């Protein structure tokens, strides 16, 4: 999961021009949250 998070950071920096300093260095979600199809609950409300 750490490799995927780093790859996503690289993509965000490359595509948006944001800096790494402005992005979370560690994924703010647990593996259980990422795999939970109901997470986040309020995404579509």
C-alpha atoms as a PDB file:
ATOM      1  CA  UNK A   1       0.000   0.000   0.000  1.00  0.00           C
ATOM      2  CA  UNK A   2       2.931   2.324   0.675  1.00  0.00           C
ATOM      3  CA  UNK A   3       4.189   1.877  -2.893  1.00  0.00           C
ATOM      4  CA  UNK A   4       0.754   2.683  -4.283  1.00  0.00           C
ATOM      5  CA  UNK A   5       0.526   5.794  -2.123  1.00  0.00           C
ATOM      6  CA  UNK A   6       3.942   6.984  -3.311  1.00  0.00           C
ATOM      7  CA  UNK A   7       2.955   6.343  -6.919  1.00  0.00           C
ATOM      8  CA  UNK A   8      -0.220   8.360  -6.401  1.00  0.00           C
ATOM      9  CA  UNK A   9       1.775  11.226  -4.888  1.00  0.00           C
ATOM     10  CA  UNK A  10       4.127  11.189  -7.871  1.00  0.00           C
ATOM     11  CA  UNK A  11       1.152  11.348 -10.220  1.00  0.00           C
ATOM     12  CA  UNK A  12      -0.499  14.206  -8.322  1.00  0.00           C
ATOM     13  CA  UNK A  13       2.715  16.240  -8.318  1.00  0.00           C
ATOM     14  CA  UNK A  14       3.308  15.587 -12.004  1.00  0.00           C
ATOM     15  CA  UNK A  15      -0.276  16.298 -13.107  1.00  0.00           C
ATOM     16  CA  UNK A  16      -1.239  19.205 -10.829  1.00  0.00           C
ATOM     17  CA  UNK A  17       1.951  21.055 -10.001  1.00  0.00           C
ATOM     18  CA  UNK A  18       1.338  20.654  -6.267  1.00  0.00           C
ATOM     19  CA  UNK A  19       4.389  20.082  -4.111  1.00  0.00           C
ATOM     20  CA  UNK A  20       5.125  16.977  -2.065  1.00  0.00           C
ATOM     21  CA  UNK A  21       5.221  19.218   1.011  1.00  0.00           C
ATOM     22  CA  UNK A  22       1.508  19.955   0.557  1.00  0.00           C
ATOM     23  CA  UNK A  23       0.498  16.284   0.391  1.00  0.00           C
ATOM     24  CA  UNK A  24       0.307  13.652   3.126  1.00  0.00           C
ATOM     25  CA  UNK A  25       3.549  11.691   3.267  1.00  0.00           C
ATOM     26  CA  UNK A  26       1.731   8.682   4.643  1.00  0.00           C
ATOM     27  CA  UNK A  27      -1.635   7.400   3.485  1.00  0.00           C
ATOM     28  CA  UNK A  28      -4.242   8.768   5.924  1.00  0.00           C
ATOM     29  CA  UNK A  29      -6.422   5.658   5.574  1.00  0.00           C
ATOM     30  CA  UNK A  30      -5.935   2.146   6.888  1.00  0.00           C
ATOM     31  CA  UNK A  31      -5.916  -0.866   4.594  1.00  0.00           C
ATOM     32  CA  UNK A  32      -9.261  -1.894   6.063  1.00  0.00           C
ATOM     33  CA  UNK A  33     -10.764   1.484   5.153  1.00  0.00           C
ATOM     34  CA  UNK A  34      -9.397   1.360   1.613  1.00  0.00           C
ATOM     35  CA  UNK A  35     -10.853  -2.102   1.058  1.00  0.00           C
ATOM     36  CA  UNK A  36     -14.221  -1.275   2.663  1.00  0.00           C
ATOM     37  CA  UNK A  37     -16.784  -0.677  -0.102  1.00  0.00           C
ATOM     38  CA  UNK A  38     -18.824   1.476   2.305  1.00  0.00           C
ATOM     39  CA  UNK A  39     -15.950   3.823   3.095  1.00  0.00           C
ATOM     40  CA  UNK A  40     -16.319   6.732   3.205  1.00  0.00           C
ATOM     41  CA  UNK A  41     -19.959   6.564   4.079  1.00  0.00           C
ATOM     42  CA  UNK A  42     -20.717  10.190   3.143  1.00  0.00           C
ATOM     43  CA  UNK A  43     -18.966  10.163  -0.249  1.00  0.00           C
ATOM     44  CA  UNK A  44     -22.193  10.300  -2.266  1.00  0.00           C
ATOM     45  CA  UNK A  45     -24.434  12.240   0.104  1.00  0.00           C
END
